[in-house]
Amino acid sequence: MTGEFLIPIFFFGGTAWVMIVYFNNRSRERMAMIEKGVNPTDFKGTLMKDWFLTNPLSSLKWGLLSAFVGVGLLVGMWLHRNLDMEDSVYLACMLISGGLALVIFYFIASKKLKQE
């Protein structure tokens, strides 16, 4: 109970510190670009819709990963309740099924790229 007041102080202080460091570094980076004669607007990030247009397989990857992690969570819940396994089975099933999804995606993507 004596240190409970420190939690919000560290939370908001940490958030403020991260923002200050981020904006300070961004300013330094832009000033260095201007000193070298480079236009900082040339290096703005691409829009998310442009990224999906350049990489149409990324939607497949994230969809497979999300679906398999969800199935892994369901399997972990079933194992925990019915076979009385420990709580760590949730994370294990989610990681195994997520890895399986990425392996499946690799084979689908490599087959698709060979066709093109």
PDB file of N, CA and C in Angstrom:
ATOM      1  N   MET A   1       0.818  -1.197   0.000  1.00  0.00           N
ATOM      2  CA  MET A   1       0.000   0.000   0.000  1.00  0.00           C
ATOM      3  C   MET A   1       0.861   1.260   0.000  1.00  0.00           C
ATOM      4  N   THR A   2       2.063   1.136   0.450  1.00  0.00           N
ATOM      5  CA  THR A   2       2.898   2.334   0.532  1.00  0.00           C
ATOM      6  C   THR A   2       3.386   2.803  -0.830  1.00  0.00           C
ATOM      7  N   GLY A   3       3.515   1.880  -1.795  1.00  0.00           N
ATOM      8  CA  GLY A   3       4.045   2.267  -3.093  1.00  0.00           C
ATOM      9  C   GLY A   3       3.014   2.354  -4.192  1.00  0.00           C
ATOM     10  N   GLU A   4       1.734   2.277  -3.839  1.00  0.00           N
ATOM     11  CA  GLU A   4       0.704   2.300  -4.878  1.00  0.00           C
ATOM     12  C   GLU A   4       0.645   3.622  -5.620  1.00  0.00           C
ATOM     13  N   PHE A   5       1.004   4.706  -4.976  1.00  0.00           N
ATOM     14  CA  PHE A   5       0.953   6.009  -5.636  1.00  0.00           C
ATOM     15  C   PHE A   5       2.055   6.142  -6.684  1.00  0.00           C
ATOM     16  N   LEU A   6       3.075   5.266  -6.621  1.00  0.00           N
ATOM     17  CA  LEU A   6       4.168   5.338  -7.591  1.00  0.00           C
ATOM     18  C   LEU A   6       3.784   4.776  -8.953  1.00  0.00           C
ATOM     19  N   ILE A   7       2.798   3.899  -9.011  1.00  0.00           N
ATOM     20  CA  ILE A   7       2.424   3.263 -10.276  1.00  0.00           C
ATOM     21  C   ILE A   7       1.981   4.287 -11.312  1.00  0.00           C
ATOM     22  N   PRO A   8       1.025   5.176 -10.999  1.00  0.00           N
ATOM     23  CA  PRO A   8       0.655   6.161 -12.032  1.00  0.00           C
ATOM     24  C   PRO A   8       1.784   7.134 -12.370  1.00  0.00           C
ATOM     25  N   ILE A   9       2.618   7.429 -11.389  1.00  0.00           N
ATOM     26  CA  ILE A   9       3.733   8.339 -11.656  1.00  0.00           C
ATOM     27  C   ILE A   9       4.691   7.702 -12.663  1.00  0.00           C
ATOM     28  N   PHE A  10       5.047   6.438 -12.441  1.00  0.00           N
ATOM     29  CA  PHE A  10       5.935   5.755 -13.387  1.00  0.00           C
ATOM     30  C   PHE A  10       5.266   5.541 -14.730  1.00  0.00           C
ATOM     31  N   PHE A  11       3.985   5.247 -14.748  1.00  0.00           N
ATOM     32  CA  PHE A  11       3.282   5.027 -16.015  1.00  0.00           C
ATOM     33  C   PHE A  11       3.266   6.296 -16.859  1.00  0.00           C
ATOM     34  N   PHE A  12       2.789   7.389 -16.279  1.00  0.00           N
ATOM     35  CA  PHE A  12       2.707   8.626 -17.052  1.00  0.00           C
ATOM     36  C   PHE A  12       4.093   9.228 -17.296  1.00  0.00           C
ATOM     37  N   GLY A  13       4.980   9.087 -16.340  1.00  0.00           N
ATOM     38  CA  GLY A  13       6.342   9.565 -16.540  1.00  0.00           C
ATOM     39  C   GLY A  13       7.050   8.782 -17.640  1.00  0.00           C
ATOM     40  N   GLY A  14       6.857   7.466 -17.659  1.00  0.00           N
ATOM     41  CA  GLY A  14       7.455   6.644 -18.709  1.00  0.00           C
ATOM     42  C   GLY A  14       6.907   6.978 -20.079  1.00  0.00           C
ATOM     43  N   THR A  15       5.598   7.196 -20.140  1.00  0.00           N
ATOM     44  CA  THR A  15       4.974   7.573 -21.412  1.00  0.00           C
ATOM     45  C   THR A  15       5.515   8.916 -21.898  1.00  0.00           C
ATOM     46  N   ALA A  16       5.612   9.867 -21.001  1.00  0.00           N
ATOM     47  CA  ALA A  16       6.136  11.182 -21.374  1.00  0.00           C
ATOM     48  C   ALA A  16       7.591  11.067 -21.822  1.00  0.00           C
ATOM     49  N   TRP A  17       8.389  10.258 -21.125  1.00  0.00           N
ATOM     50  CA  TRP A  17       9.795  10.087 -21.484  1.00  0.00           C
ATOM     51  C   TRP A  17       9.943   9.490 -22.876  1.00  0.00           C
ATOM     52  N   VAL A  18       9.141   8.487 -23.198  1.00  0.00           N
ATOM     53  CA  VAL A  18       9.205   7.867 -24.524  1.00  0.00           C
ATOM     54  C   VAL A  18       8.833   8.882 -25.602  1.00  0.00           C
ATOM     55  N   MET A  19       7.806   9.680 -25.365  1.00  0.00           N
ATOM     56  CA  MET A  19       7.402  10.683 -26.354  1.00  0.00           C
ATOM     57  C   MET A  19       8.479  11.748 -26.539  1.00  0.00           C
ATOM     58  N   ILE A  20       9.100  12.185 -25.459  1.00  0.00           N
ATOM     59  CA  ILE A  20      10.148  13.205 -25.551  1.00  0.00           C
ATOM     60  C   ILE A  20      11.337  12.665 -26.349  1.00  0.00           C
ATOM     61  N   VAL A  21      11.748  11.451 -26.043  1.00  0.00           N
ATOM     62  CA  VAL A  21      12.878  10.852 -26.769  1.00  0.00           C
ATOM     63  C   VAL A  21      12.535  10.680 -28.245  1.00  0.00           C
ATOM     64  N   TYR A  22      11.308  10.221 -28.544  1.00  0.00           N
ATOM     65  CA  TYR A  22      10.896  10.018 -29.930  1.00  0.00           C
ATOM     66  C   TYR A  22      10.948  11.326 -30.714  1.00  0.00           C
ATOM     67  N   PHE A  23      10.330  12.384 -30.185  1.00  0.00           N
ATOM     68  CA  PHE A  23      10.294  13.649 -30.918  1.00  0.00           C
ATOM     69  C   PHE A  23      11.672  14.303 -30.988  1.00  0.00           C
ATOM     70  N   ASN A  24      12.478  14.125 -29.971  1.00  0.00           N
ATOM     71  CA  ASN A  24      13.830  14.678 -29.994  1.00  0.00           C
ATOM     72  C   ASN A  24      14.667  13.988 -31.075  1.00  0.00           C
ATOM     73  N   ASN A  25      14.587  12.672 -31.145  1.00  0.00           N
ATOM     74  CA  ASN A  25      15.345  11.944 -32.168  1.00  0.00           C
ATOM     75  C   ASN A  25      14.830  12.246 -33.564  1.00  0.00           C
ATOM     76  N   ARG A  26      13.520  12.396 -33.702  1.00  0.00           N
ATOM     77  CA  ARG A  26      12.963  12.727 -35.014  1.00  0.00           C
ATOM     78  C   ARG A  26      13.452  14.098 -35.471  1.00  0.00           C
ATOM     79  N   SER A  27      13.514  15.037 -34.542  1.00  0.00           N
ATOM     80  CA  SER A  27      13.997  16.373 -34.877  1.00  0.00           C
ATOM     81  C   SER A  27      15.467  16.334 -35.288  1.00  0.00           C
ATOM     82  N   ARG A  28      16.277  15.576 -34.544  1.00  0.00           N
ATOM     83  CA  ARG A  28      17.701  15.454 -34.898  1.00  0.00           C
ATOM     84  C   ARG A  28      17.878  14.827 -36.275  1.00  0.00           C
ATOM     85  N   GLU A  29      17.075  13.804 -36.547  1.00  0.00           N
ATOM     86  CA  GLU A  29      17.182  13.130 -37.831  1.00  0.00           C
ATOM     87  C   GLU A  29      16.817  14.079 -38.974  1.00  0.00           C
ATOM     88  N   ARG A  30      15.763  14.841 -38.797  1.00  0.00           N
ATOM     89  CA  ARG A  30      15.370  15.796 -39.845  1.00  0.00           C
ATOM     90  C   ARG A  30      16.404  16.895 -40.035  1.00  0.00           C
ATOM     91  N   MET A  31      16.974  17.372 -38.945  1.00  0.00           N
ATOM     92  CA  MET A  31      17.995  18.415 -39.068  1.00  0.00           C
ATOM     93  C   MET A  31      19.233  17.872 -39.799  1.00  0.00           C
ATOM     94  N   ALA A  32      19.609  16.628 -39.535  1.00  0.00           N
ATOM     95  CA  ALA A  32      20.745  16.028 -40.231  1.00  0.00           C
ATOM     96  C   ALA A  32      20.438  15.860 -41.715  1.00  0.00           C
ATOM     97  N   MET A  33      19.201  15.525 -42.039  1.00  0.00           N
ATOM     98  CA  MET A  33      18.827  15.393 -43.444  1.00  0.00           C
ATOM     99  C   MET A  33      18.872  16.739 -44.149  1.00  0.00           C
ATOM    100  N   ILE A  34      18.422  17.776 -43.475  1.00  0.00           N
ATOM    101  CA  ILE A  34      18.435  19.113 -44.070  1.00  0.00           C
ATOM    102  C   ILE A  34      19.876  19.582 -44.270  1.00  0.00           C
ATOM    103  N   GLU A  35      20.753  19.297 -43.295  1.00  0.00           N
ATOM    104  CA  GLU A  35      22.162  19.685 -43.425  1.00  0.00           C
ATOM    105  C   GLU A  35      22.837  19.010 -44.615  1.00  0.00           C
ATOM    106  N   LYS A  36      22.427  17.806 -44.931  1.00  0.00           N
ATOM    107  CA  LYS A  36      23.023  17.079 -46.063  1.00  0.00           C
ATOM    108  C   LYS A  36      22.323  17.402 -47.373  1.00  0.00           C
ATOM    109  N   GLY A  37      21.269  18.218 -47.332  1.00  0.00           N
ATOM    110  CA  GLY A  37      20.600  18.631 -48.555  1.00  0.00           C
ATOM    111  C   GLY A  37      19.525  17.666 -49.040  1.00  0.00           C
ATOM    112  N   VAL A  38      19.044  16.828 -48.165  1.00  0.00           N
ATOM    113  CA  VAL A  38      18.010  15.865 -48.529  1.00  0.00           C
ATOM    114  C   VAL A  38      16.667  16.402 -48.035  1.00  0.00           C
ATOM    115  N   ASN A  39      15.642  16.226 -48.863  1.00  0.00           N
ATOM    116  CA  ASN A  39      14.311  16.679 -48.477  1.00  0.00           C
ATOM    117  C   ASN A  39      13.668  15.631 -47.568  1.00  0.00           C
ATOM    118  N   PRO A  40      13.301  15.985 -46.313  1.00  0.00           N
ATOM    119  CA  PRO A  40      12.727  14.999 -45.392  1.00  0.00           C
ATOM    120  C   PRO A  40      11.383  14.428 -45.858  1.00  0.00           C
ATOM    121  N   THR A  41      10.652  15.157 -46.695  1.00  0.00           N
ATOM    122  CA  THR A  41       9.352  14.642 -47.144  1.00  0.00           C
ATOM    123  C   THR A  41       9.504  13.484 -48.118  1.00  0.00           C
ATOM    124  N   ASP A  42      10.692  13.310 -48.700  1.00  0.00           N
ATOM    125  CA  ASP A  42      10.917  12.172 -49.596  1.00  0.00           C
ATOM    126  C   ASP A  42      10.939  10.843 -48.849  1.00  0.00           C
ATOM    127  N   PHE A  43      11.136  10.890 -47.538  1.00  0.00           N
ATOM    128  CA  PHE A  43      11.265   9.676 -46.747  1.00  0.00           C
ATOM    129  C   PHE A  43      10.052   9.397 -45.881  1.00  0.00           C
ATOM    130  N   LYS A  44       8.936  10.021 -46.181  1.00  0.00           N
ATOM    131  CA  LYS A  44       7.727   9.723 -45.417  1.00  0.00           C
ATOM    132  C   LYS A  44       7.296   8.300 -45.706  1.00  0.00           C
ATOM    133  N   GLY A  45       6.698   7.660 -44.713  1.00  0.00           N
ATOM    134  CA  GLY A  45       6.268   6.274 -44.848  1.00  0.00           C
ATOM    135  C   GLY A  45       5.167   6.124 -45.875  1.00  0.00           C
ATOM    136  N   THR A  46       5.067   4.924 -46.422  1.00  0.00           N
ATOM    137  CA  THR A  46       4.015   4.654 -47.392  1.00  0.00           C
ATOM    138  C   THR A  46       2.695   4.443 -46.658  1.00  0.00           C
ATOM    139  N   LEU A  47       1.635   4.705 -47.344  1.00  0.00           N
ATOM    140  CA  LEU A  47       0.328   4.472 -46.755  1.00  0.00           C
ATOM    141  C   LEU A  47       0.076   2.987 -46.617  1.00  0.00           C
ATOM    142  N   MET A  48      -0.758   2.607 -45.667  1.00  0.00           N
ATOM    143  CA  MET A  48      -1.010   1.192 -45.425  1.00  0.00           C
ATOM    144  C   MET A  48      -1.670   0.539 -46.632  1.00  0.00           C
ATOM    145  N   LYS A  49      -2.541   1.258 -47.323  1.00  0.00           N
ATOM    146  CA  LYS A  49      -3.185   0.651 -48.488  1.00  0.00           C
ATOM    147  C   LYS A  49      -2.178   0.392 -49.607  1.00  0.00           C
ATOM    148  N   ASP A  50      -1.153   1.255 -49.736  1.00  0.00           N
ATOM    149  CA  ASP A  50      -0.110   1.014 -50.728  1.00  0.00           C
ATOM    150  C   ASP A  50       0.719  -0.209 -50.356  1.00  0.00           C
ATOM    151  N   TRP A  51       0.935  -0.416 -49.072  1.00  0.00           N
ATOM    152  CA  TRP A  51       1.714  -1.559 -48.627  1.00  0.00           C
ATOM    153  C   TRP A  51       0.984  -2.862 -48.951  1.00  0.00           C
ATOM    154  N   PHE A  52      -0.345  -2.877 -48.748  1.00  0.00           N
ATOM    155  CA  PHE A  52      -1.101  -4.077 -49.061  1.00  0.00           C
ATOM    156  C   PHE A  52      -1.181  -4.301 -50.562  1.00  0.00           C
ATOM    157  N   LEU A  53      -1.148  -3.237 -51.360  1.00  0.00           N
ATOM    158  CA  LEU A  53      -1.167  -3.416 -52.807  1.00  0.00           C
ATOM    159  C   LEU A  53       0.155  -3.991 -53.301  1.00  0.00           C
ATOM    160  N   THR A  54       1.262  -3.615 -52.667  1.00  0.00           N
ATOM    161  CA  THR A  54       2.550  -4.126 -53.109  1.00  0.00           C
ATOM    162  C   THR A  54       2.799  -5.551 -52.617  1.00  0.00           C
ATOM    163  N   ASN A  55       2.128  -5.963 -51.564  1.00  0.00           N
ATOM    164  CA  ASN A  55       2.346  -7.294 -51.012  1.00  0.00           C
ATOM    165  C   ASN A  55       0.990  -7.941 -50.712  1.00  0.00           C
ATOM    166  N   PRO A  56       0.334  -8.503 -51.725  1.00  0.00           N
ATOM    167  CA  PRO A  56      -1.002  -9.064 -51.491  1.00  0.00           C
ATOM    168  C   PRO A  56      -0.983 -10.325 -50.639  1.00  0.00           C
ATOM    169  N   LEU A  57       0.168 -10.981 -50.507  1.00  0.00           N
ATOM    170  CA  LEU A  57       0.230 -12.188 -49.689  1.00  0.00           C
ATOM    171  C   LEU A  57       0.261 -11.887 -48.195  1.00  0.00           C
ATOM    172  N   SER A  58       0.471 -10.631 -47.820  1.00  0.00           N
ATOM    173  CA  SER A  58       0.522 -10.314 -46.393  1.00  0.00           C
ATOM    174  C   SER A  58      -0.846 -10.507 -45.739  1.00  0.00           C
ATOM    175  N   SER A  59      -1.919 -10.262 -46.466  1.00  0.00           N
ATOM    176  CA  SER A  59      -3.252 -10.501 -45.909  1.00  0.00           C
ATOM    177  C   SER A  59      -3.452 -11.982 -45.629  1.00  0.00           C
ATOM    178  N   LEU A  60      -2.961 -12.823 -46.520  1.00  0.00           N
ATOM    179  CA  LEU A  60      -3.047 -14.268 -46.306  1.00  0.00           C
ATOM    180  C   LEU A  60      -2.248 -14.675 -45.070  1.00  0.00           C
ATOM    181  N   LYS A  61      -1.052 -14.104 -44.933  1.00  0.00           N
ATOM    182  CA  LYS A  61      -0.198 -14.444 -43.792  1.00  0.00           C
ATOM    183  C   LYS A  61      -0.866 -14.082 -42.475  1.00  0.00           C
ATOM    184  N   TRP A  62      -1.364 -12.849 -42.376  1.00  0.00           N
ATOM    185  CA  TRP A  62      -1.966 -12.410 -41.115  1.00  0.00           C
ATOM    186  C   TRP A  62      -3.282 -13.119 -40.847  1.00  0.00           C
ATOM    187  N   GLY A  63      -4.020 -13.442 -41.892  1.00  0.00           N
ATOM    188  CA  GLY A  63      -5.255 -14.192 -41.705  1.00  0.00           C
ATOM    189  C   GLY A  63      -4.992 -15.598 -41.207  1.00  0.00           C
ATOM    190  N   LEU A  64      -4.020 -16.283 -41.816  1.00  0.00           N
ATOM    191  CA  LEU A  64      -3.655 -17.622 -41.351  1.00  0.00           C
ATOM    192  C   LEU A  64      -3.140 -17.587 -39.916  1.00  0.00           C
ATOM    193  N   LEU A  65      -2.292 -16.626 -39.615  1.00  0.00           N
ATOM    194  CA  LEU A  65      -1.728 -16.533 -38.275  1.00  0.00           C
ATOM    195  C   LEU A  65      -2.811 -16.293 -37.236  1.00  0.00           C
ATOM    196  N   SER A  66      -3.726 -15.383 -37.515  1.00  0.00           N
ATOM    197  CA  SER A  66      -4.802 -15.088 -36.563  1.00  0.00           C
ATOM    198  C   SER A  66      -5.707 -16.289 -36.358  1.00  0.00           C
ATOM    199  N   ALA A  67      -6.075 -16.940 -37.449  1.00  0.00           N
ATOM    200  CA  ALA A  67      -6.977 -18.090 -37.342  1.00  0.00           C
ATOM    201  C   ALA A  67      -6.316 -19.232 -36.575  1.00  0.00           C
ATOM    202  N   PHE A  68      -5.051 -19.519 -36.865  1.00  0.00           N
ATOM    203  CA  PHE A  68      -4.390 -20.640 -36.199  1.00  0.00           C
ATOM    204  C   PHE A  68      -4.099 -20.340 -34.733  1.00  0.00           C
ATOM    205  N   VAL A  69      -3.782 -19.087 -34.409  1.00  0.00           N
ATOM    206  CA  VAL A  69      -3.579 -18.741 -32.998  1.00  0.00           C
ATOM    207  C   VAL A  69      -4.895 -18.871 -32.239  1.00  0.00           C
ATOM    208  N   GLY A  70      -6.004 -18.492 -32.871  1.00  0.00           N
ATOM    209  CA  GLY A  70      -7.314 -18.679 -32.248  1.00  0.00           C
ATOM    210  C   GLY A  70      -7.632 -20.144 -32.029  1.00  0.00           C
ATOM    211  N   VAL A  71      -7.337 -20.974 -33.013  1.00  0.00           N
ATOM    212  CA  VAL A  71      -7.554 -22.415 -32.858  1.00  0.00           C
ATOM    213  C   VAL A  71      -6.637 -22.965 -31.763  1.00  0.00           C
ATOM    214  N   GLY A  72      -5.410 -22.480 -31.709  1.00  0.00           N
ATOM    215  CA  GLY A  72      -4.489 -22.906 -30.655  1.00  0.00           C
ATOM    216  C   GLY A  72      -4.993 -22.533 -29.274  1.00  0.00           C
ATOM    217  N   LEU A  73      -5.596 -21.359 -29.164  1.00  0.00           N
ATOM    218  CA  LEU A  73      -6.177 -20.946 -27.888  1.00  0.00           C
ATOM    219  C   LEU A  73      -7.327 -21.864 -27.498  1.00  0.00           C
ATOM    220  N   LEU A  74      -8.170 -22.205 -28.463  1.00  0.00           N
ATOM    221  CA  LEU A  74      -9.280 -23.121 -28.171  1.00  0.00           C
ATOM    222  C   LEU A  74      -8.774 -24.501 -27.757  1.00  0.00           C
ATOM    223  N   VAL A  75      -7.758 -25.007 -28.444  1.00  0.00           N
ATOM    224  CA  VAL A  75      -7.187 -26.298 -28.084  1.00  0.00           C
ATOM    225  C   VAL A  75      -6.569 -26.236 -26.688  1.00  0.00           C
ATOM    226  N   GLY A  76      -5.889 -25.142 -26.393  1.00  0.00           N
ATOM    227  CA  GLY A  76      -5.303 -24.969 -25.059  1.00  0.00           C
ATOM    228  C   GLY A  76      -6.368 -24.933 -23.977  1.00  0.00           C
ATOM    229  N   MET A  77      -7.470 -24.254 -24.248  1.00  0.00           N
ATOM    230  CA  MET A  77      -8.570 -24.221 -23.273  1.00  0.00           C
ATOM    231  C   MET A  77      -9.142 -25.615 -23.075  1.00  0.00           C
ATOM    232  N   TRP A  78      -9.293 -26.363 -24.153  1.00  0.00           N
ATOM    233  CA  TRP A  78      -9.840 -27.718 -24.049  1.00  0.00           C
ATOM    234  C   TRP A  78      -8.903 -28.622 -23.242  1.00  0.00           C
ATOM    235  N   LEU A  79      -7.600 -28.529 -23.537  1.00  0.00           N
ATOM    236  CA  LEU A  79      -6.625 -29.336 -22.807  1.00  0.00           C
ATOM    237  C   LEU A  79      -6.590 -28.982 -21.326  1.00  0.00           C
ATOM    238  N   HIS A  80      -6.708 -27.688 -21.030  1.00  0.00           N
ATOM    239  CA  HIS A  80      -6.660 -27.235 -19.637  1.00  0.00           C
ATOM    240  C   HIS A  80      -7.879 -27.729 -18.862  1.00  0.00           C
ATOM    241  N   ARG A  81      -9.024 -27.657 -19.466  1.00  0.00           N
ATOM    242  CA  ARG A  81     -10.256 -28.037 -18.757  1.00  0.00           C
ATOM    243  C   ARG A  81     -10.469 -29.539 -18.706  1.00  0.00           C
ATOM    244  N   ASN A  82     -10.255 -30.223 -19.815  1.00  0.00           N
ATOM    245  CA  ASN A  82     -10.602 -31.645 -19.871  1.00  0.00           C
ATOM    246  C   ASN A  82      -9.484 -32.568 -19.411  1.00  0.00           C
ATOM    247  N   LEU A  83      -8.234 -32.199 -19.658  1.00  0.00           N
ATOM    248  CA  LEU A  83      -7.126 -33.065 -19.272  1.00  0.00           C
ATOM    249  C   LEU A  83      -6.365 -32.517 -18.074  1.00  0.00           C
ATOM    250  N   ASP A  84      -6.874 -31.454 -17.493  1.00  0.00           N
ATOM    251  CA  ASP A  84      -6.328 -30.847 -16.270  1.00  0.00           C
ATOM    252  C   ASP A  84      -4.841 -30.520 -16.406  1.00  0.00           C
ATOM    253  N   MET A  85      -4.493 -29.887 -17.519  1.00  0.00           N
ATOM    254  CA  MET A  85      -3.106 -29.461 -17.717  1.00  0.00           C
ATOM    255  C   MET A  85      -2.903 -28.087 -17.097  1.00  0.00           C
ATOM    256  N   GLU A  86      -1.652 -27.675 -16.990  1.00  0.00           N
ATOM    257  CA  GLU A  86      -1.347 -26.388 -16.371  1.00  0.00           C
ATOM    258  C   GLU A  86      -1.695 -25.232 -17.305  1.00  0.00           C
ATOM    259  N   ASP A  87      -1.649 -24.017 -16.764  1.00  0.00           N
ATOM    260  CA  ASP A  87      -2.012 -22.833 -17.538  1.00  0.00           C
ATOM    261  C   ASP A  87      -1.061 -22.566 -18.696  1.00  0.00           C
ATOM    262  N   SER A  88       0.154 -23.060 -18.619  1.00  0.00           N
ATOM    263  CA  SER A  88       1.131 -22.796 -19.672  1.00  0.00           C
ATOM    264  C   SER A  88       0.744 -23.461 -20.994  1.00  0.00           C
ATOM    265  N   VAL A  89      -0.247 -24.356 -20.963  1.00  0.00           N
ATOM    266  CA  VAL A  89      -0.672 -25.022 -22.193  1.00  0.00           C
ATOM    267  C   VAL A  89      -1.304 -24.017 -23.167  1.00  0.00           C
ATOM    268  N   TYR A  90      -1.885 -22.937 -22.655  1.00  0.00           N
ATOM    269  CA  TYR A  90      -2.461 -21.905 -23.527  1.00  0.00           C
ATOM    270  C   TYR A  90      -1.396 -21.327 -24.446  1.00  0.00           C
ATOM    271  N   LEU A  91      -0.324 -20.835 -23.835  1.00  0.00           N
ATOM    272  CA  LEU A  91       0.740 -20.201 -24.608  1.00  0.00           C
ATOM    273  C   LEU A  91       1.411 -21.196 -25.543  1.00  0.00           C
ATOM    274  N   ALA A  92       1.647 -22.408 -25.054  1.00  0.00           N
ATOM    275  CA  ALA A  92       2.299 -23.416 -25.878  1.00  0.00           C
ATOM    276  C   ALA A  92       1.466 -23.735 -27.115  1.00  0.00           C
ATOM    277  N   CYS A  93       0.181 -23.944 -26.944  1.00  0.00           N
ATOM    278  CA  CYS A  93      -0.683 -24.265 -28.090  1.00  0.00           C
ATOM    279  C   CYS A  93      -0.767 -23.097 -29.065  1.00  0.00           C
ATOM    280  N   MET A  94      -0.825 -21.878 -28.539  1.00  0.00           N
ATOM    281  CA  MET A  94      -0.898 -20.715 -29.420  1.00  0.00           C
ATOM    282  C   MET A  94       0.394 -20.553 -30.226  1.00  0.00           C
ATOM    283  N   LEU A  95       1.537 -20.757 -29.589  1.00  0.00           N
ATOM    284  CA  LEU A  95       2.809 -20.615 -30.300  1.00  0.00           C
ATOM    285  C   LEU A  95       3.008 -21.726 -31.324  1.00  0.00           C
ATOM    286  N   ILE A  96       2.658 -22.947 -30.952  1.00  0.00           N
ATOM    287  CA  ILE A  96       2.802 -24.063 -31.890  1.00  0.00           C
ATOM    288  C   ILE A  96       1.899 -23.862 -33.096  1.00  0.00           C
ATOM    289  N   SER A  97       0.646 -23.500 -32.866  1.00  0.00           N
ATOM    290  CA  SER A  97      -0.269 -23.323 -33.996  1.00  0.00           C
ATOM    291  C   SER A  97       0.094 -22.091 -34.822  1.00  0.00           C
ATOM    292  N   GLY A  98       0.592 -21.034 -34.188  1.00  0.00           N
ATOM    293  CA  GLY A  98       1.052 -19.867 -34.942  1.00  0.00           C
ATOM    294  C   GLY A  98       2.244 -20.195 -35.807  1.00  0.00           C
ATOM    295  N   GLY A  99       3.175 -20.972 -35.279  1.00  0.00           N
ATOM    296  CA  GLY A  99       4.317 -21.417 -36.082  1.00  0.00           C
ATOM    297  C   GLY A  99       3.891 -22.298 -37.237  1.00  0.00           C
ATOM    298  N   LEU A 100       2.927 -23.180 -36.987  1.00  0.00           N
ATOM    299  CA  LEU A 100       2.394 -24.026 -38.048  1.00  0.00           C
ATOM    300  C   LEU A 100       1.745 -23.180 -39.143  1.00  0.00           C
ATOM    301  N   ALA A 101       1.036 -22.127 -38.753  1.00  0.00           N
ATOM    302  CA  ALA A 101       0.413 -21.238 -39.739  1.00  0.00           C
ATOM    303  C   ALA A 101       1.463 -20.562 -40.606  1.00  0.00           C
ATOM    304  N   LEU A 102       2.566 -20.134 -40.000  1.00  0.00           N
ATOM    305  CA  LEU A 102       3.615 -19.482 -40.784  1.00  0.00           C
ATOM    306  C   LEU A 102       4.320 -20.458 -41.724  1.00  0.00           C
ATOM    307  N   VAL A 103       4.469 -21.705 -41.308  1.00  0.00           N
ATOM    308  CA  VAL A 103       5.062 -22.719 -42.191  1.00  0.00           C
ATOM    309  C   VAL A 103       4.127 -22.985 -43.367  1.00  0.00           C
ATOM    310  N   ILE A 104       2.830 -23.100 -43.095  1.00  0.00           N
ATOM    311  CA  ILE A 104       1.849 -23.298 -44.173  1.00  0.00           C
ATOM    312  C   ILE A 104       1.873 -22.114 -45.125  1.00  0.00           C
ATOM    313  N   PHE A 105       1.947 -20.901 -44.566  1.00  0.00           N
ATOM    314  CA  PHE A 105       2.015 -19.712 -45.415  1.00  0.00           C
ATOM    315  C   PHE A 105       3.261 -19.742 -46.293  1.00  0.00           C
ATOM    316  N   TYR A 106       4.383 -20.182 -45.736  1.00  0.00           N
ATOM    317  CA  TYR A 106       5.617 -20.242 -46.512  1.00  0.00           C
ATOM    318  C   TYR A 106       5.444 -21.135 -47.735  1.00  0.00           C
ATOM    319  N   PHE A 107       4.852 -22.304 -47.543  1.00  0.00           N
ATOM    320  CA  PHE A 107       4.669 -23.213 -48.675  1.00  0.00           C
ATOM    321  C   PHE A 107       3.682 -22.651 -49.694  1.00  0.00           C
ATOM    322  N   ILE A 108       2.616 -22.010 -49.231  1.00  0.00           N
ATOM    323  CA  ILE A 108       1.643 -21.410 -50.160  1.00  0.00           C
ATOM    324  C   ILE A 108       2.299 -20.275 -50.940  1.00  0.00           C
ATOM    325  N   ALA A 109       3.030 -19.411 -50.232  1.00  0.00           N
ATOM    326  CA  ALA A 109       3.645 -18.251 -50.880  1.00  0.00           C
ATOM    327  C   ALA A 109       4.736 -18.677 -51.866  1.00  0.00           C
ATOM    328  N   SER A 110       5.547 -19.668 -51.485  1.00  0.00           N
ATOM    329  CA  SER A 110       6.598 -20.084 -52.405  1.00  0.00           C
ATOM    330  C   SER A 110       6.001 -20.739 -53.648  1.00  0.00           C
ATOM    331  N   LYS A 111       4.919 -21.484 -53.491  1.00  0.00           N
ATOM    332  CA  LYS A 111       4.261 -22.078 -54.643  1.00  0.00           C
ATOM    333  C   LYS A 111       3.668 -21.006 -55.552  1.00  0.00           C
ATOM    334  N   LYS A 112       3.081 -19.988 -54.933  1.00  0.00           N
ATOM    335  CA  LYS A 112       2.474 -18.898 -55.701  1.00  0.00           C
ATOM    336  C   LYS A 112       3.548 -18.088 -56.445  1.00  0.00           C
ATOM    337  N   LEU A 113       4.675 -17.852 -55.792  1.00  0.00           N
ATOM    338  CA  LEU A 113       5.739 -17.096 -56.439  1.00  0.00           C
ATOM    339  C   LEU A 113       6.387 -17.880 -57.577  1.00  0.00           C
ATOM    340  N   LYS A 114       6.448 -19.191 -57.466  1.00  0.00           N
ATOM    341  CA  LYS A 114       6.991 -20.003 -58.549  1.00  0.00           C
ATOM    342  C   LYS A 114       6.066 -19.971 -59.775  1.00  0.00           C
ATOM    343  N   GLN A 115       4.772 -19.869 -59.537  1.00  0.00           N
ATOM    344  CA  GLN A 115       3.816 -19.796 -60.636  1.00  0.00           C
ATOM    345  C   GLN A 115       3.970 -18.497 -61.411  1.00  0.00           C
ATOM    346  N   GLU A 116       4.307 -17.433 -60.708  1.00  0.00           N
ATOM    347  CA  GLU A 116       4.459 -16.127 -61.366  1.00  0.00           C
ATOM    348  C   GLU A 116       5.803 -16.061 -61.979  1.00  0.00           C
TER     349      GLU A 116
END
